[in-house]
Amino acid sequence: MFFKLVLENGHVGAGNGLETVRYFRAENPVEMFSIASRIPRVKGKFNGTGVKLVERISREEYERGIKDNQDNPYLRTRKRRSGRKNRKSPIH
């Protein structure tokens, strides 16, 4: 099953939030809520109040959503690495 979630994210100012749309694959809605409780930056993840909408979607919509989310810098949890490796100059 494929799901579209609307989540309220925090850390954008005192009491302020930002709604984001995320796309996931899970066996059922209960597993989807378990996954949502581990997503970084979601407000109220321990009591589920940060999840505003859970909607079952098609595979095509899931794939389009994943592609769109890859360009959103707020959704990245890790910094992208450049193509170069950190090379230290040899010590002589």
PDB file of N, CA and C in Angstrom:
ATOM      1  N   MET A   1       0.831  -1.175   0.000  1.00  0.00           N
ATOM      2  CA  MET A   1       0.000   0.000   0.000  1.00  0.00           C
ATOM      3  C   MET A   1       0.883   1.249   0.000  1.00  0.00           C
ATOM      4  N   PHE A   2       0.400   2.276  -0.632  1.00  0.00           N
ATOM      5  CA  PHE A   2       1.124   3.536  -0.706  1.00  0.00           C
ATOM      6  C   PHE A   2       0.283   4.608  -0.028  1.00  0.00           C
ATOM      7  N   PHE A   3       0.963   5.496   0.703  1.00  0.00           N
ATOM      8  CA  PHE A   3       0.261   6.505   1.478  1.00  0.00           C
ATOM      9  C   PHE A   3       0.852   7.888   1.252  1.00  0.00           C
ATOM     10  N   LYS A   4      -0.024   8.873   1.329  1.00  0.00           N
ATOM     11  CA  LYS A   4       0.363  10.283   1.308  1.00  0.00           C
ATOM     12  C   LYS A   4       0.027  10.828   2.687  1.00  0.00           C
ATOM     13  N   LEU A   5       1.003  11.445   3.344  1.00  0.00           N
ATOM     14  CA  LEU A   5       0.798  12.022   4.667  1.00  0.00           C
ATOM     15  C   LEU A   5       1.008  13.525   4.619  1.00  0.00           C
ATOM     16  N   VAL A   6       0.146  14.232   5.286  1.00  0.00           N
ATOM     17  CA  VAL A   6       0.349  15.659   5.512  1.00  0.00           C
ATOM     18  C   VAL A   6       0.772  15.771   6.964  1.00  0.00           C
ATOM     19  N   LEU A   7       1.974  16.314   7.179  1.00  0.00           N
ATOM     20  CA  LEU A   7       2.568  16.391   8.512  1.00  0.00           C
ATOM     21  C   LEU A   7       2.824  17.833   8.901  1.00  0.00           C
ATOM     22  N   GLU A   8       2.697  18.108  10.198  1.00  0.00           N
ATOM     23  CA  GLU A   8       3.059  19.429  10.707  1.00  0.00           C
ATOM     24  C   GLU A   8       4.461  19.330  11.280  1.00  0.00           C
ATOM     25  N   ASN A   9       5.373  20.060  10.674  1.00  0.00           N
ATOM     26  CA  ASN A   9       6.768  20.061  11.111  1.00  0.00           C
ATOM     27  C   ASN A   9       7.032  21.261  11.994  1.00  0.00           C
ATOM     28  N   GLY A  10       7.984  21.116  12.901  1.00  0.00           N
ATOM     29  CA  GLY A  10       8.323  22.180  13.824  1.00  0.00           C
ATOM     30  C   GLY A  10       9.674  22.784  13.538  1.00  0.00           C
ATOM     31  N   HIS A  11      10.213  23.446  14.542  1.00  0.00           N
ATOM     32  CA  HIS A  11      11.536  24.066  14.491  1.00  0.00           C
ATOM     33  C   HIS A  11      11.613  25.190  13.464  1.00  0.00           C
ATOM     34  N   VAL A  12      10.519  25.938  13.306  1.00  0.00           N
ATOM     35  CA  VAL A  12      10.544  27.099  12.414  1.00  0.00           C
ATOM     36  C   VAL A  12      10.133  28.371  13.159  1.00  0.00           C
ATOM     37  N   GLY A  13      10.304  28.372  14.465  1.00  0.00           N
ATOM     38  CA  GLY A  13       9.956  29.529  15.291  1.00  0.00           C
ATOM     39  C   GLY A  13       9.052  29.104  16.425  1.00  0.00           C
ATOM     40  N   ALA A  14       8.952  29.928  17.429  1.00  0.00           N
ATOM     41  CA  ALA A  14       8.188  29.598  18.627  1.00  0.00           C
ATOM     42  C   ALA A  14       6.708  29.397  18.296  1.00  0.00           C
ATOM     43  N   GLY A  15       6.228  28.187  18.464  1.00  0.00           N
ATOM     44  CA  GLY A  15       4.827  27.876  18.246  1.00  0.00           C
ATOM     45  C   GLY A  15       4.398  27.793  16.791  1.00  0.00           C
ATOM     46  N   ASN A  16       5.308  27.988  15.875  1.00  0.00           N
ATOM     47  CA  ASN A  16       4.981  27.944  14.455  1.00  0.00           C
ATOM     48  C   ASN A  16       5.275  26.575  13.877  1.00  0.00           C
ATOM     49  N   GLY A  17       4.602  26.247  12.813  1.00  0.00           N
ATOM     50  CA  GLY A  17       4.830  24.980  12.148  1.00  0.00           C
ATOM     51  C   GLY A  17       4.760  25.152  10.641  1.00  0.00           C
ATOM     52  N   LEU A  18       5.096  24.093   9.946  1.00  0.00           N
ATOM     53  CA  LEU A  18       5.094  24.084   8.499  1.00  0.00           C
ATOM     54  C   LEU A  18       4.500  22.753   8.069  1.00  0.00           C
ATOM     55  N   GLU A  19       3.460  22.778   7.249  1.00  0.00           N
ATOM     56  CA  GLU A  19       2.877  21.532   6.770  1.00  0.00           C
ATOM     57  C   GLU A  19       3.638  21.036   5.550  1.00  0.00           C
ATOM     58  N   THR A  20       3.967  19.766   5.569  1.00  0.00           N
ATOM     59  CA  THR A  20       4.650  19.146   4.443  1.00  0.00           C
ATOM     60  C   THR A  20       3.899  17.898   4.033  1.00  0.00           C
ATOM     61  N   VAL A  21       4.050  17.522   2.783  1.00  0.00           N
ATOM     62  CA  VAL A  21       3.443  16.305   2.258  1.00  0.00           C
ATOM     63  C   VAL A  21       4.556  15.301   2.043  1.00  0.00           C
ATOM     64  N   ARG A  22       4.402  14.120   2.607  1.00  0.00           N
ATOM     65  CA  ARG A  22       5.395  13.054   2.465  1.00  0.00           C
ATOM     66  C   ARG A  22       4.712  11.815   1.918  1.00  0.00           C
ATOM     67  N   TYR A  23       5.470  10.960   1.253  1.00  0.00           N
ATOM     68  CA  TYR A  23       4.936   9.758   0.625  1.00  0.00           C
ATOM     69  C   TYR A  23       5.676   8.545   1.171  1.00  0.00           C
ATOM     70  N   PHE A  24       4.895   7.492   1.513  1.00  0.00           N
ATOM     71  CA  PHE A  24       5.482   6.302   2.123  1.00  0.00           C
ATOM     72  C   PHE A  24       4.806   5.045   1.599  1.00  0.00           C
ATOM     73  N   ARG A  25       5.511   3.936   1.797  1.00  0.00           N
ATOM     74  CA  ARG A  25       4.962   2.614   1.494  1.00  0.00           C
ATOM     75  C   ARG A  25       4.909   1.842   2.798  1.00  0.00           C
ATOM     76  N   ALA A  26       3.753   1.228   3.089  1.00  0.00           N
ATOM     77  CA  ALA A  26       3.574   0.457   4.321  1.00  0.00           C
ATOM     78  C   ALA A  26       2.544  -0.641   4.070  1.00  0.00           C
ATOM     79  N   GLU A  27       2.534  -1.620   4.952  1.00  0.00           N
ATOM     80  CA  GLU A  27       1.594  -2.740   4.822  1.00  0.00           C
ATOM     81  C   GLU A  27       0.158  -2.333   5.160  1.00  0.00           C
ATOM     82  N   ASN A  28       0.002  -1.397   6.121  1.00  0.00           N
ATOM     83  CA  ASN A  28      -1.331  -0.982   6.551  1.00  0.00           C
ATOM     84  C   ASN A  28      -1.225   0.379   7.240  1.00  0.00           C
ATOM     85  N   PRO A  29      -2.363   1.019   7.526  1.00  0.00           N
ATOM     86  CA  PRO A  29      -2.323   2.339   8.168  1.00  0.00           C
ATOM     87  C   PRO A  29      -1.683   2.343   9.554  1.00  0.00           C
ATOM     88  N   VAL A  30      -1.802   1.249  10.292  1.00  0.00           N
ATOM     89  CA  VAL A  30      -1.184   1.187  11.626  1.00  0.00           C
ATOM     90  C   VAL A  30       0.333   1.242  11.501  1.00  0.00           C
ATOM     91  N   GLU A  31       0.892   0.511  10.549  1.00  0.00           N
ATOM     92  CA  GLU A  31       2.337   0.568  10.312  1.00  0.00           C
ATOM     93  C   GLU A  31       2.743   1.966   9.843  1.00  0.00           C
ATOM     94  N   MET A  32       1.859   2.611   9.081  1.00  0.00           N
ATOM     95  CA  MET A  32       2.153   3.960   8.610  1.00  0.00           C
ATOM     96  C   MET A  32       2.289   4.933   9.771  1.00  0.00           C
ATOM     97  N   PHE A  33       1.426   4.828  10.788  1.00  0.00           N
ATOM     98  CA  PHE A  33       1.542   5.698  11.958  1.00  0.00           C
ATOM     99  C   PHE A  33       2.820   5.395  12.736  1.00  0.00           C
ATOM    100  N   SER A  34       3.234   4.137  12.759  1.00  0.00           N
ATOM    101  CA  SER A  34       4.487   3.780  13.414  1.00  0.00           C
ATOM    102  C   SER A  34       5.670   4.430  12.702  1.00  0.00           C
ATOM    103  N   ILE A  35       5.635   4.433  11.386  1.00  0.00           N
ATOM    104  CA  ILE A  35       6.691   5.079  10.604  1.00  0.00           C
ATOM    105  C   ILE A  35       6.671   6.582  10.852  1.00  0.00           C
ATOM    106  N   ALA A  36       5.485   7.172  10.872  1.00  0.00           N
ATOM    107  CA  ALA A  36       5.351   8.622  11.069  1.00  0.00           C
ATOM    108  C   ALA A  36       5.893   9.058  12.423  1.00  0.00           C
ATOM    109  N   SER A  37       5.853   8.185  13.414  1.00  0.00           N
ATOM    110  CA  SER A  37       6.344   8.557  14.744  1.00  0.00           C
ATOM    111  C   SER A  37       7.868   8.642  14.805  1.00  0.00           C
ATOM    112  N   ARG A  38       8.551   8.201  13.750  1.00  0.00           N
ATOM    113  CA  ARG A  38      10.017   8.251  13.728  1.00  0.00           C
ATOM    114  C   ARG A  38      10.565   9.262  12.726  1.00  0.00           C
ATOM    115  N   ILE A  39       9.708  10.052  12.114  1.00  0.00           N
ATOM    116  CA  ILE A  39      10.148  11.024  11.117  1.00  0.00           C
ATOM    117  C   ILE A  39      10.715  12.254  11.823  1.00  0.00           C
ATOM    118  N   PRO A  40      11.909  12.691  11.453  1.00  0.00           N
ATOM    119  CA  PRO A  40      12.494  13.881  12.085  1.00  0.00           C
ATOM    120  C   PRO A  40      11.668  15.137  11.819  1.00  0.00           C
ATOM    121  N   ARG A  41      11.679  16.053  12.777  1.00  0.00           N
ATOM    122  CA  ARG A  41      11.078  17.382  12.695  1.00  0.00           C
ATOM    123  C   ARG A  41       9.557  17.422  12.780  1.00  0.00           C
ATOM    124  N   VAL A  42       8.880  16.285  12.958  1.00  0.00           N
ATOM    125  CA  VAL A  42       7.414  16.292  13.038  1.00  0.00           C
ATOM    126  C   VAL A  42       6.993  16.675  14.447  1.00  0.00           C
ATOM    127  N   LYS A  43       6.053  17.615  14.541  1.00  0.00           N
ATOM    128  CA  LYS A  43       5.547  18.036  15.851  1.00  0.00           C
ATOM    129  C   LYS A  43       4.655  16.946  16.433  1.00  0.00           C
ATOM    130  N   GLY A  44       4.698  16.771  17.729  1.00  0.00           N
ATOM    131  CA  GLY A  44       3.808  15.854  18.432  1.00  0.00           C
ATOM    132  C   GLY A  44       3.875  14.422  17.943  1.00  0.00           C
ATOM    133  N   LYS A  45       5.067  13.950  17.604  1.00  0.00           N
ATOM    134  CA  LYS A  45       5.153  12.608  17.044  1.00  0.00           C
ATOM    135  C   LYS A  45       4.853  11.509  18.061  1.00  0.00           C
ATOM    136  N   PHE A  46       4.978  11.808  19.346  1.00  0.00           N
ATOM    137  CA  PHE A  46       4.737  10.770  20.351  1.00  0.00           C
ATOM    138  C   PHE A  46       3.258  10.572  20.642  1.00  0.00           C
ATOM    139  N   ASN A  47       2.436  11.563  20.340  1.00  0.00           N
ATOM    140  CA  ASN A  47       1.000  11.400  20.535  1.00  0.00           C
ATOM    141  C   ASN A  47       0.229  11.471  19.223  1.00  0.00           C
ATOM    142  N   GLY A  48       0.899  11.573  18.089  1.00  0.00           N
ATOM    143  CA  GLY A  48       0.270  11.524  16.774  1.00  0.00           C
ATOM    144  C   GLY A  48      -0.409  12.800  16.321  1.00  0.00           C
ATOM    145  N   THR A  49      -0.221  13.907  17.029  1.00  0.00           N
ATOM    146  CA  THR A  49      -0.901  15.141  16.648  1.00  0.00           C
ATOM    147  C   THR A  49      -0.246  15.848  15.470  1.00  0.00           C
ATOM    148  N   GLY A  50       0.947  15.449  15.097  1.00  0.00           N
ATOM    149  CA  GLY A  50       1.624  16.056  13.955  1.00  0.00           C
ATOM    150  C   GLY A  50       1.159  15.503  12.625  1.00  0.00           C
ATOM    151  N   VAL A  51       0.421  14.391  12.636  1.00  0.00           N
ATOM    152  CA  VAL A  51      -0.108  13.798  11.409  1.00  0.00           C
ATOM    153  C   VAL A  51      -1.472  14.410  11.147  1.00  0.00           C
ATOM    154  N   LYS A  52      -1.591  15.183  10.073  1.00  0.00           N
ATOM    155  CA  LYS A  52      -2.839  15.875   9.750  1.00  0.00           C
ATOM    156  C   LYS A  52      -3.723  15.072   8.806  1.00  0.00           C
ATOM    157  N   LEU A  53      -3.122  14.236   7.943  1.00  0.00           N
ATOM    158  CA  LEU A  53      -3.894  13.467   6.970  1.00  0.00           C
ATOM    159  C   LEU A  53      -3.109  12.230   6.568  1.00  0.00           C
ATOM    160  N   VAL A  54      -3.798  11.105   6.483  1.00  0.00           N
ATOM    161  CA  VAL A  54      -3.240   9.875   5.924  1.00  0.00           C
ATOM    162  C   VAL A  54      -4.193   9.456   4.821  1.00  0.00           C
ATOM    163  N   GLU A  55      -3.672   9.351   3.599  1.00  0.00           N
ATOM    164  CA  GLU A  55      -4.514   9.025   2.456  1.00  0.00           C
ATOM    165  C   GLU A  55      -3.846   7.917   1.641  1.00  0.00           C
ATOM    166  N   ARG A  56      -4.608   6.900   1.289  1.00  0.00           N
ATOM    167  CA  ARG A  56      -4.086   5.831   0.441  1.00  0.00           C
ATOM    168  C   ARG A  56      -4.067   6.337  -1.001  1.00  0.00           C
ATOM    169  N   ILE A  57      -2.943   6.082  -1.697  1.00  0.00           N
ATOM    170  CA  ILE A  57      -2.773   6.588  -3.061  1.00  0.00           C
ATOM    171  C   ILE A  57      -2.290   5.470  -3.976  1.00  0.00           C
ATOM    172  N   SER A  58      -2.226   5.768  -5.275  1.00  0.00           N
ATOM    173  CA  SER A  58      -1.750   4.796  -6.260  1.00  0.00           C
ATOM    174  C   SER A  58      -0.221   4.793  -6.305  1.00  0.00           C
ATOM    175  N   ARG A  59       0.318   3.771  -6.916  1.00  0.00           N
ATOM    176  CA  ARG A  59       1.776   3.661  -7.063  1.00  0.00           C
ATOM    177  C   ARG A  59       2.330   4.816  -7.908  1.00  0.00           C
ATOM    178  N   GLU A  60       1.604   5.208  -8.947  1.00  0.00           N
ATOM    179  CA  GLU A  60       2.058   6.287  -9.819  1.00  0.00           C
ATOM    180  C   GLU A  60       2.153   7.609  -9.049  1.00  0.00           C
ATOM    181  N   GLU A  61       1.130   7.894  -8.231  1.00  0.00           N
ATOM    182  CA  GLU A  61       1.160   9.121  -7.439  1.00  0.00           C
ATOM    183  C   GLU A  61       2.285   9.072  -6.409  1.00  0.00           C
ATOM    184  N   TYR A  62       2.533   7.895  -5.834  1.00  0.00           N
ATOM    185  CA  TYR A  62       3.634   7.708  -4.883  1.00  0.00           C
ATOM    186  C   TYR A  62       4.973   8.023  -5.550  1.00  0.00           C
ATOM    187  N   GLU A  63       5.194   7.482  -6.737  1.00  0.00           N
ATOM    188  CA  GLU A  63       6.460   7.698  -7.437  1.00  0.00           C
ATOM    189  C   GLU A  63       6.652   9.164  -7.823  1.00  0.00           C
ATOM    190  N   ARG A  64       5.580   9.841  -8.254  1.00  0.00           N
ATOM    191  CA  ARG A  64       5.663  11.271  -8.567  1.00  0.00           C
ATOM    192  C   ARG A  64       5.990  12.076  -7.308  1.00  0.00           C
ATOM    193  N   GLY A  65       5.347  11.723  -6.201  1.00  0.00           N
ATOM    194  CA  GLY A  65       5.571  12.438  -4.945  1.00  0.00           C
ATOM    195  C   GLY A  65       6.988  12.283  -4.436  1.00  0.00           C
ATOM    196  N   ILE A  66       7.530  11.071  -4.519  1.00  0.00           N
ATOM    197  CA  ILE A  66       8.911  10.818  -4.088  1.00  0.00           C
ATOM    198  C   ILE A  66       9.865  11.656  -4.929  1.00  0.00           C
ATOM    199  N   LYS A  67       9.623  11.710  -6.221  1.00  0.00           N
ATOM    200  CA  LYS A  67      10.486  12.491  -7.114  1.00  0.00           C
ATOM    201  C   LYS A  67      10.431  13.977  -6.760  1.00  0.00           C
ATOM    202  N   ASP A  68       9.233  14.494  -6.476  1.00  0.00           N
ATOM    203  CA  ASP A  68       9.090  15.904  -6.107  1.00  0.00           C
ATOM    204  C   ASP A  68       9.756  16.209  -4.772  1.00  0.00           C
ATOM    205  N   ASN A  69       9.678  15.296  -3.813  1.00  0.00           N
ATOM    206  CA  ASN A  69      10.236  15.527  -2.477  1.00  0.00           C
ATOM    207  C   ASN A  69      11.758  15.515  -2.460  1.00  0.00           C
ATOM    208  N   GLN A  70      12.390  14.910  -3.434  1.00  0.00           N
ATOM    209  CA  GLN A  70      13.852  14.842  -3.457  1.00  0.00           C
ATOM    210  C   GLN A  70      14.482  16.220  -3.619  1.00  0.00           C
ATOM    211  N   ASP A  71      13.754  17.157  -4.198  1.00  0.00           N
ATOM    212  CA  ASP A  71      14.286  18.498  -4.421  1.00  0.00           C
ATOM    213  C   ASP A  71      13.998  19.458  -3.272  1.00  0.00           C
ATOM    214  N   ASN A  72      13.253  19.036  -2.263  1.00  0.00           N
ATOM    215  CA  ASN A  72      12.879  19.913  -1.163  1.00  0.00           C
ATOM    216  C   ASN A  72      13.950  19.844  -0.068  1.00  0.00           C
ATOM    217  N   PRO A  73      14.712  20.918   0.151  1.00  0.00           N
ATOM    218  CA  PRO A  73      15.800  20.869   1.136  1.00  0.00           C
ATOM    219  C   PRO A  73      15.309  20.706   2.576  1.00  0.00           C
ATOM    220  N   TYR A  74      14.078  21.111   2.872  1.00  0.00           N
ATOM    221  CA  TYR A  74      13.567  20.980   4.236  1.00  0.00           C
ATOM    222  C   TYR A  74      13.325  19.523   4.604  1.00  0.00           C
ATOM    223  N   LEU A  75      13.081  18.669   3.611  1.00  0.00           N
ATOM    224  CA  LEU A  75      12.776  17.265   3.881  1.00  0.00           C
ATOM    225  C   LEU A  75      14.015  16.390   3.986  1.00  0.00           C
ATOM    226  N   ARG A  76      15.163  16.928   3.605  1.00  0.00           N
ATOM    227  CA  ARG A  76      16.399  16.134   3.700  1.00  0.00           C
ATOM    228  C   ARG A  76      16.807  15.983   5.142  1.00  0.00           C
ATOM    229  N   THR A  77      17.158  14.769   5.523  1.00  0.00           N
ATOM    230  CA  THR A  77      17.620  14.527   6.888  1.00  0.00           C
ATOM    231  C   THR A  77      19.125  14.418   6.952  1.00  0.00           C
ATOM    232  N   ARG A  78      19.758  14.268   5.800  1.00  0.00           N
ATOM    233  CA  ARG A  78      21.221  14.196   5.745  1.00  0.00           C
ATOM    234  C   ARG A  78      21.710  15.187   4.719  1.00  0.00           C
ATOM    235  N   LYS A  79      22.885  15.708   4.957  1.00  0.00           N
ATOM    236  CA  LYS A  79      23.476  16.621   3.986  1.00  0.00           C
ATOM    237  C   LYS A  79      23.937  15.831   2.781  1.00  0.00           C
ATOM    238  N   ARG A  80      23.749  16.415   1.624  1.00  0.00           N
ATOM    239  CA  ARG A  80      24.249  15.757   0.411  1.00  0.00           C
ATOM    240  C   ARG A  80      25.754  15.886   0.357  1.00  0.00           C
ATOM    241  N   ARG A  81      26.401  14.837  -0.046  1.00  0.00           N
ATOM    242  CA  ARG A  81      27.855  14.855  -0.160  1.00  0.00           C
ATOM    243  C   ARG A  81      28.231  15.283  -1.562  1.00  0.00           C
ATOM    244  N   SER A  82      29.278  16.060  -1.643  1.00  0.00           N
ATOM    245  CA  SER A  82      29.761  16.449  -2.967  1.00  0.00           C
ATOM    246  C   SER A  82      30.495  15.260  -3.572  1.00  0.00           C
ATOM    247  N   GLY A  83      30.782  15.351  -4.847  1.00  0.00           N
ATOM    248  CA  GLY A  83      31.453  14.265  -5.538  1.00  0.00           C
ATOM    249  C   GLY A  83      32.893  14.076  -5.115  1.00  0.00           C
ATOM    250  N   ARG A  84      33.447  15.082  -4.431  1.00  0.00           N
ATOM    251  CA  ARG A  84      34.853  14.989  -4.022  1.00  0.00           C
ATOM    252  C   ARG A  84      34.986  14.314  -2.665  1.00  0.00           C
ATOM    253  N   LYS A  85      36.088  13.649  -2.514  1.00  0.00           N
ATOM    254  CA  LYS A  85      36.404  13.060  -1.208  1.00  0.00           C
ATOM    255  C   LYS A  85      37.314  14.016  -0.464  1.00  0.00           C
ATOM    256  N   ASN A  86      37.225  13.996   0.850  1.00  0.00           N
ATOM    257  CA  ASN A  86      38.129  14.813   1.659  1.00  0.00           C
ATOM    258  C   ASN A  86      39.509  14.171   1.628  1.00  0.00           C
ATOM    259  N   ARG A  87      40.388  14.796   0.956  1.00  0.00           N
ATOM    260  CA  ARG A  87      41.747  14.259   0.885  1.00  0.00           C
ATOM    261  C   ARG A  87      42.665  15.209   1.614  1.00  0.00           C
ATOM    262  N   LYS A  88      43.399  14.660   2.518  1.00  0.00           N
ATOM    263  CA  LYS A  88      44.374  15.460   3.246  1.00  0.00           C
ATOM    264  C   LYS A  88      45.702  15.351   2.527  1.00  0.00           C
ATOM    265  N   SER A  89      46.450  16.430   2.542  1.00  0.00           N
ATOM    266  CA  SER A  89      47.753  16.381   1.908  1.00  0.00           C
ATOM    267  C   SER A  89      48.678  15.487   2.743  1.00  0.00           C
ATOM    268  N   PRO A  90      49.530  14.737   2.103  1.00  0.00           N
ATOM    269  CA  PRO A  90      50.430  13.862   2.847  1.00  0.00           C
ATOM    270  C   PRO A  90      51.418  14.678   3.680  1.00  0.00           C
ATOM    271  N   ILE A  91      51.727  14.143   4.832  1.00  0.00           N
ATOM    272  CA  ILE A  91      52.688  14.797   5.719  1.00  0.00           C
ATOM    273  C   ILE A  91      54.087  14.341   5.330  1.00  0.00           C
ATOM    274  N   HIS A  92      54.995  15.304   5.098  1.00  0.00           N
ATOM    275  CA  HIS A  92      56.377  14.963   4.720  1.00  0.00           C
ATOM    276  C   HIS A  92      57.317  15.178   5.855  1.00  0.00           C
TER     277      HIS A  92
END
